[in-house]
Amino acid sequence: MVIVGVVRNPGHEPEDVLSLQDAVNLGILDLSQGLYYNNNTRQHISMMEAMNSGWIKVGLKNTIYGL
C-alpha cells in the first residue's frame, strides 16, 4: 500500500487532496513520528487513524518485474 493523497482540511467540500510530498512540506504529515495534523482541530492524530477516517488516501502500487 502507498499513500496516494492527503486531505488538507477534513470536512470541507470540495476535498482539497495534496500529494504526499506537499503534505510533508506543509507540515500536515510527520513521517518520522507517524502523525497527521488536522488543520481544523489543530491536533495531531496517528496516521493510521487518519487513514481510517479517509484523510490519508491509500492505494496499491503496481510493480512490473523484469522491465
PDB file of N, CA and C in Angstrom:
ATOM      1  N   MET A   1       0.842  -1.177   0.000  1.00  0.00           N
ATOM      2  CA  MET A   1       0.000   0.000   0.000  1.00  0.00           C
ATOM      3  C   MET A   1       0.889   1.243   0.000  1.00  0.00           C
ATOM      4  N   VAL A   2       0.445   2.247  -0.723  1.00  0.00           N
ATOM      5  CA  VAL A   2       1.170   3.515  -0.779  1.00  0.00           C
ATOM      6  C   VAL A   2       0.179   4.657  -0.573  1.00  0.00           C
ATOM      7  N   ILE A   3       0.683   5.763  -0.049  1.00  0.00           N
ATOM      8  CA  ILE A   3      -0.143   6.957   0.114  1.00  0.00           C
ATOM      9  C   ILE A   3      -0.277   7.633  -1.241  1.00  0.00           C
ATOM     10  N   VAL A   4      -1.523   7.829  -1.674  1.00  0.00           N
ATOM     11  CA  VAL A   4      -1.766   8.445  -2.980  1.00  0.00           C
ATOM     12  C   VAL A   4      -2.312   9.872  -2.851  1.00  0.00           C
ATOM     13  N   GLY A   5      -2.679  10.276  -1.642  1.00  0.00           N
ATOM     14  CA  GLY A   5      -3.174  11.625  -1.425  1.00  0.00           C
ATOM     15  C   GLY A   5      -3.440  11.877   0.042  1.00  0.00           C
ATOM     16  N   VAL A   6      -3.417  13.159   0.416  1.00  0.00           N
ATOM     17  CA  VAL A   6      -3.644  13.560   1.801  1.00  0.00           C
ATOM     18  C   VAL A   6      -4.616  14.741   1.793  1.00  0.00           C
ATOM     19  N   VAL A   7      -5.690  14.625   2.577  1.00  0.00           N
ATOM     20  CA  VAL A   7      -6.695  15.689   2.655  1.00  0.00           C
ATOM     21  C   VAL A   7      -6.154  16.827   3.512  1.00  0.00           C
ATOM     22  N   ARG A   8      -6.197  18.041   2.956  1.00  0.00           N
ATOM     23  CA  ARG A   8      -5.669  19.216   3.670  1.00  0.00           C
ATOM     24  C   ARG A   8      -6.597  19.661   4.795  1.00  0.00           C
ATOM     25  N   ASN A   9      -7.875  19.841   4.521  1.00  0.00           N
ATOM     26  CA  ASN A   9      -8.837  20.328   5.513  1.00  0.00           C
ATOM     27  C   ASN A   9     -10.010  19.369   5.598  1.00  0.00           C
ATOM     28  N   PRO A  10      -9.934  18.372   6.479  1.00  0.00           N
ATOM     29  CA  PRO A  10     -11.010  17.381   6.589  1.00  0.00           C
ATOM     30  C   PRO A  10     -12.366  18.034   6.868  1.00  0.00           C
ATOM     31  N   GLY A  11     -13.386  17.524   6.195  1.00  0.00           N
ATOM     32  CA  GLY A  11     -14.739  18.011   6.423  1.00  0.00           C
ATOM     33  C   GLY A  11     -15.155  19.157   5.530  1.00  0.00           C
ATOM     34  N   HIS A  12     -14.239  19.721   4.783  1.00  0.00           N
ATOM     35  CA  HIS A  12     -14.580  20.820   3.877  1.00  0.00           C
ATOM     36  C   HIS A  12     -14.804  20.264   2.481  1.00  0.00           C
ATOM     37  N   GLU A  13     -15.797  20.774   1.811  1.00  0.00           N
ATOM     38  CA  GLU A  13     -16.097  20.360   0.447  1.00  0.00           C
ATOM     39  C   GLU A  13     -15.817  21.518  -0.492  1.00  0.00           C
ATOM     40  N   PRO A  14     -15.261  21.309  -1.646  1.00  0.00           N
ATOM     41  CA  PRO A  14     -14.746  20.020  -2.091  1.00  0.00           C
ATOM     42  C   PRO A  14     -13.452  19.695  -1.360  1.00  0.00           C
ATOM     43  N   GLU A  15     -13.139  18.414  -1.279  1.00  0.00           N
ATOM     44  CA  GLU A  15     -11.920  17.961  -0.612  1.00  0.00           C
ATOM     45  C   GLU A  15     -10.700  18.487  -1.342  1.00  0.00           C
ATOM     46  N   ASP A  16      -9.782  19.046  -0.598  1.00  0.00           N
ATOM     47  CA  ASP A  16      -8.512  19.505  -1.150  1.00  0.00           C
ATOM     48  C   ASP A  16      -7.478  18.421  -0.862  1.00  0.00           C
ATOM     49  N   VAL A  17      -7.157  17.624  -1.876  1.00  0.00           N
ATOM     50  CA  VAL A  17      -6.246  16.489  -1.700  1.00  0.00           C
ATOM     51  C   VAL A  17      -4.863  16.858  -2.232  1.00  0.00           C
ATOM     52  N   LEU A  18      -3.865  16.696  -1.369  1.00  0.00           N
ATOM     53  CA  LEU A  18      -2.484  17.022  -1.696  1.00  0.00           C
ATOM     54  C   LEU A  18      -1.680  15.763  -1.991  1.00  0.00           C
ATOM     55  N   SER A  19      -0.570  15.935  -2.645  1.00  0.00           N
ATOM     56  CA  SER A  19       0.376  14.832  -2.809  1.00  0.00           C
ATOM     57  C   SER A  19       1.054  14.576  -1.465  1.00  0.00           C
ATOM     58  N   LEU A  20       1.657  13.417  -1.332  1.00  0.00           N
ATOM     59  CA  LEU A  20       2.401  13.080  -0.124  1.00  0.00           C
ATOM     60  C   LEU A  20       3.489  14.119   0.130  1.00  0.00           C
ATOM     61  N   GLN A  21       4.248  14.462  -0.897  1.00  0.00           N
ATOM     62  CA  GLN A  21       5.344  15.422  -0.746  1.00  0.00           C
ATOM     63  C   GLN A  21       4.837  16.784  -0.288  1.00  0.00           C
ATOM     64  N   ASP A  22       3.741  17.266  -0.878  1.00  0.00           N
ATOM     65  CA  ASP A  22       3.182  18.559  -0.475  1.00  0.00           C
ATOM     66  C   ASP A  22       2.706  18.522   0.972  1.00  0.00           C
ATOM     67  N   ALA A  23       2.078  17.420   1.382  1.00  0.00           N
ATOM     68  CA  ALA A  23       1.591  17.288   2.756  1.00  0.00           C
ATOM     69  C   ALA A  23       2.749  17.310   3.749  1.00  0.00           C
ATOM     70  N   VAL A  24       3.851  16.671   3.400  1.00  0.00           N
ATOM     71  CA  VAL A  24       5.034  16.688   4.268  1.00  0.00           C
ATOM     72  C   VAL A  24       5.613  18.104   4.316  1.00  0.00           C
ATOM     73  N   ASN A  25       5.738  18.731   3.156  1.00  0.00           N
ATOM     74  CA  ASN A  25       6.306  20.086   3.090  1.00  0.00           C
ATOM     75  C   ASN A  25       5.482  21.098   3.877  1.00  0.00           C
ATOM     76  N   LEU A  26       4.154  20.924   3.913  1.00  0.00           N
ATOM     77  CA  LEU A  26       3.266  21.844   4.624  1.00  0.00           C
ATOM     78  C   LEU A  26       3.110  21.490   6.099  1.00  0.00           C
ATOM     79  N   GLY A  27       3.721  20.389   6.535  1.00  0.00           N
ATOM     80  CA  GLY A  27       3.641  20.001   7.938  1.00  0.00           C
ATOM     81  C   GLY A  27       2.374  19.261   8.313  1.00  0.00           C
ATOM     82  N   ILE A  28       1.612  18.820   7.321  1.00  0.00           N
ATOM     83  CA  ILE A  28       0.393  18.066   7.603  1.00  0.00           C
ATOM     84  C   ILE A  28       0.732  16.635   7.992  1.00  0.00           C
ATOM     85  N   LEU A  29       1.745  16.073   7.361  1.00  0.00           N
ATOM     86  CA  LEU A  29       2.218  14.737   7.723  1.00  0.00           C
ATOM     87  C   LEU A  29       3.618  14.830   8.308  1.00  0.00           C
ATOM     88  N   ASP A  30       3.815  14.134   9.416  1.00  0.00           N
ATOM     89  CA  ASP A  30       5.137  13.977  10.009  1.00  0.00           C
ATOM     90  C   ASP A  30       5.470  12.497   9.917  1.00  0.00           C
ATOM     91  N   LEU A  31       6.220  12.132   8.887  1.00  0.00           N
ATOM     92  CA  LEU A  31       6.515  10.729   8.638  1.00  0.00           C
ATOM     93  C   LEU A  31       7.401  10.116   9.707  1.00  0.00           C
ATOM     94  N   SER A  32       8.294  10.891  10.293  1.00  0.00           N
ATOM     95  CA  SER A  32       9.192  10.341  11.313  1.00  0.00           C
ATOM     96  C   SER A  32       8.440   9.994  12.594  1.00  0.00           C
ATOM     97  N   GLN A  33       7.373  10.728  12.884  1.00  0.00           N
ATOM     98  CA  GLN A  33       6.569  10.474  14.084  1.00  0.00           C
ATOM     99  C   GLN A  33       5.316   9.656  13.780  1.00  0.00           C
ATOM    100  N   GLY A  34       4.973   9.530  12.481  1.00  0.00           N
ATOM    101  CA  GLY A  34       3.763   8.808  12.100  1.00  0.00           C
ATOM    102  C   GLY A  34       2.501   9.562  12.451  1.00  0.00           C
ATOM    103  N   LEU A  35       2.532  10.902  12.277  1.00  0.00           N
ATOM    104  CA  LEU A  35       1.405  11.736  12.689  1.00  0.00           C
ATOM    105  C   LEU A  35       0.825  12.539  11.530  1.00  0.00           C
ATOM    106  N   TYR A  36      -0.476  12.790  11.633  1.00  0.00           N
ATOM    107  CA  TYR A  36      -1.236  13.627  10.705  1.00  0.00           C
ATOM    108  C   TYR A  36      -1.726  14.827  11.500  1.00  0.00           C
ATOM    109  N   TYR A  37      -1.557  16.031  10.954  1.00  0.00           N
ATOM    110  CA  TYR A  37      -2.015  17.251  11.614  1.00  0.00           C
ATOM    111  C   TYR A  37      -3.342  17.673  11.010  1.00  0.00           C
ATOM    112  N   ASN A  38      -4.386  17.719  11.851  1.00  0.00           N
ATOM    113  CA  ASN A  38      -5.712  18.137  11.418  1.00  0.00           C
ATOM    114  C   ASN A  38      -5.802  19.654  11.570  1.00  0.00           C
ATOM    115  N   ASN A  39      -5.864  20.368  10.443  1.00  0.00           N
ATOM    116  CA  ASN A  39      -5.919  21.833  10.469  1.00  0.00           C
ATOM    117  C   ASN A  39      -7.163  22.370  11.147  1.00  0.00           C
ATOM    118  N   ASN A  40      -8.249  21.615  11.134  1.00  0.00           N
ATOM    119  CA  ASN A  40      -9.495  22.089  11.739  1.00  0.00           C
ATOM    120  C   ASN A  40      -9.456  22.035  13.255  1.00  0.00           C
ATOM    121  N   THR A  41      -8.950  20.942  13.807  1.00  0.00           N
ATOM    122  CA  THR A  41      -8.921  20.778  15.261  1.00  0.00           C
ATOM    123  C   THR A  41      -7.603  21.229  15.870  1.00  0.00           C
ATOM    124  N   ARG A  42      -6.595  21.453  15.021  1.00  0.00           N
ATOM    125  CA  ARG A  42      -5.250  21.827  15.461  1.00  0.00           C
ATOM    126  C   ARG A  42      -4.623  20.743  16.341  1.00  0.00           C
ATOM    127  N   GLN A  43      -4.954  19.490  16.051  1.00  0.00           N
ATOM    128  CA  GLN A  43      -4.414  18.375  16.811  1.00  0.00           C
ATOM    129  C   GLN A  43      -3.755  17.367  15.879  1.00  0.00           C
ATOM    130  N   HIS A  44      -2.779  16.660  16.433  1.00  0.00           N
ATOM    131  CA  HIS A  44      -2.136  15.565  15.724  1.00  0.00           C
ATOM    132  C   HIS A  44      -2.845  14.267  16.074  1.00  0.00           C
ATOM    133  N   ILE A  45      -2.996  13.403  15.068  1.00  0.00           N
ATOM    134  CA  ILE A  45      -3.514  12.063  15.290  1.00  0.00           C
ATOM    135  C   ILE A  45      -2.579  11.100  14.562  1.00  0.00           C
ATOM    136  N   SER A  46      -2.692   9.821  14.895  1.00  0.00           N
ATOM    137  CA  SER A  46      -1.840   8.844  14.220  1.00  0.00           C
ATOM    138  C   SER A  46      -2.209   8.765  12.745  1.00  0.00           C
ATOM    139  N   MET A  47      -1.241   8.405  11.937  1.00  0.00           N
ATOM    140  CA  MET A  47      -1.511   8.244  10.510  1.00  0.00           C
ATOM    141  C   MET A  47      -2.533   7.141  10.277  1.00  0.00           C
ATOM    142  N   MET A  48      -2.520   6.101  11.100  1.00  0.00           N
ATOM    143  CA  MET A  48      -3.494   5.015  10.963  1.00  0.00           C
ATOM    144  C   MET A  48      -4.913   5.528  11.204  1.00  0.00           C
ATOM    145  N   GLU A  49      -5.077   6.367  12.220  1.00  0.00           N
ATOM    146  CA  GLU A  49      -6.393   6.951  12.491  1.00  0.00           C
ATOM    147  C   GLU A  49      -6.838   7.836  11.330  1.00  0.00           C
ATOM    148  N   ALA A  50      -5.900   8.595  10.763  1.00  0.00           N
ATOM    149  CA  ALA A  50      -6.211   9.455   9.614  1.00  0.00           C
ATOM    150  C   ALA A  50      -6.590   8.613   8.397  1.00  0.00           C
ATOM    151  N   MET A  51      -5.913   7.480   8.206  1.00  0.00           N
ATOM    152  CA  MET A  51      -6.271   6.574   7.105  1.00  0.00           C
ATOM    153  C   MET A  51      -7.679   6.020   7.309  1.00  0.00           C
ATOM    154  N   ASN A  52      -7.979   5.594   8.531  1.00  0.00           N
ATOM    155  CA  ASN A  52      -9.301   5.054   8.832  1.00  0.00           C
ATOM    156  C   ASN A  52     -10.396   6.099   8.658  1.00  0.00           C
ATOM    157  N   SER A  53     -10.055   7.375   8.857  1.00  0.00           N
ATOM    158  CA  SER A  53     -11.018   8.463   8.689  1.00  0.00           C
ATOM    159  C   SER A  53     -11.140   8.910   7.238  1.00  0.00           C
ATOM    160  N   GLY A  54     -10.260   8.389   6.367  1.00  0.00           N
ATOM    161  CA  GLY A  54     -10.298   8.762   4.951  1.00  0.00           C
ATOM    162  C   GLY A  54      -9.514  10.017   4.629  1.00  0.00           C
ATOM    163  N   TRP A  55      -8.721  10.507   5.575  1.00  0.00           N
ATOM    164  CA  TRP A  55      -7.952  11.728   5.348  1.00  0.00           C
ATOM    165  C   TRP A  55      -6.605  11.455   4.718  1.00  0.00           C
ATOM    166  N   ILE A  56      -6.128  10.236   4.835  1.00  0.00           N
ATOM    167  CA  ILE A  56      -4.952   9.794   4.091  1.00  0.00           C
ATOM    168  C   ILE A  56      -5.446   8.729   3.124  1.00  0.00           C
ATOM    169  N   LYS A  57      -5.308   9.000   1.844  1.00  0.00           N
ATOM    170  CA  LYS A  57      -5.786   8.096   0.796  1.00  0.00           C
ATOM    171  C   LYS A  57      -4.672   7.115   0.443  1.00  0.00           C
ATOM    172  N   VAL A  58      -5.012   5.835   0.456  1.00  0.00           N
ATOM    173  CA  VAL A  58      -4.018   4.816   0.131  1.00  0.00           C
ATOM    174  C   VAL A  58      -4.490   3.983  -1.049  1.00  0.00           C
ATOM    175  N   GLY A  59      -3.531   3.403  -1.749  1.00  0.00           N
ATOM    176  CA  GLY A  59      -3.832   2.549  -2.892  1.00  0.00           C
ATOM    177  C   GLY A  59      -2.750   1.493  -3.038  1.00  0.00           C
ATOM    178  N   LEU A  60      -2.953   0.626  -3.975  1.00  0.00           N
ATOM    179  CA  LEU A  60      -1.974  -0.416  -4.235  1.00  0.00           C
ATOM    180  C   LEU A  60      -0.978   0.061  -5.261  1.00  0.00           C
ATOM    181  N   LYS A  61       0.268  -0.293  -5.053  1.00  0.00           N
ATOM    182  CA  LYS A  61       1.318   0.065  -6.008  1.00  0.00           C
ATOM    183  C   LYS A  61       1.507  -1.133  -6.940  1.00  0.00           C
ATOM    184  N   ASN A  62       1.395  -0.878  -8.215  1.00  0.00           N
ATOM    185  CA  ASN A  62       1.638  -1.918  -9.209  1.00  0.00           C
ATOM    186  C   ASN A  62       3.114  -1.965  -9.540  1.00  0.00           C
ATOM    187  N   THR A  63       3.700  -3.113  -9.427  1.00  0.00           N
ATOM    188  CA  THR A  63       5.102  -3.289  -9.745  1.00  0.00           C
ATOM    189  C   THR A  63       5.232  -4.310 -10.854  1.00  0.00           C
ATOM    190  N   ILE A  64       5.930  -3.941 -11.908  1.00  0.00           N
ATOM    191  CA  ILE A  64       6.165  -4.870 -13.010  1.00  0.00           C
ATOM    192  C   ILE A  64       7.632  -5.273 -12.934  1.00  0.00           C
ATOM    193  N   TYR A  65       7.860  -6.530 -12.702  1.00  0.00           N
ATOM    194  CA  TYR A  65       9.217  -7.037 -12.585  1.00  0.00           C
ATOM    195  C   TYR A  65       9.787  -7.375 -13.960  1.00  0.00           C
ATOM    196  N   GLY A  66      11.070  -7.143 -14.094  1.00  0.00           N
ATOM    197  CA  GLY A  66      11.761  -7.528 -15.303  1.00  0.00           C
ATOM    198  C   GLY A  66      11.674  -6.536 -16.441  1.00  0.00           C
ATOM    199  N   LEU A  67      11.100  -5.359 -16.191  1.00  0.00           N
ATOM    200  CA  LEU A  67      11.022  -4.345 -17.249  1.00  0.00           C
ATOM    201  C   LEU A  67      11.896  -3.170 -16.938  1.00  0.00           C
TER     202      LEU A  67
END
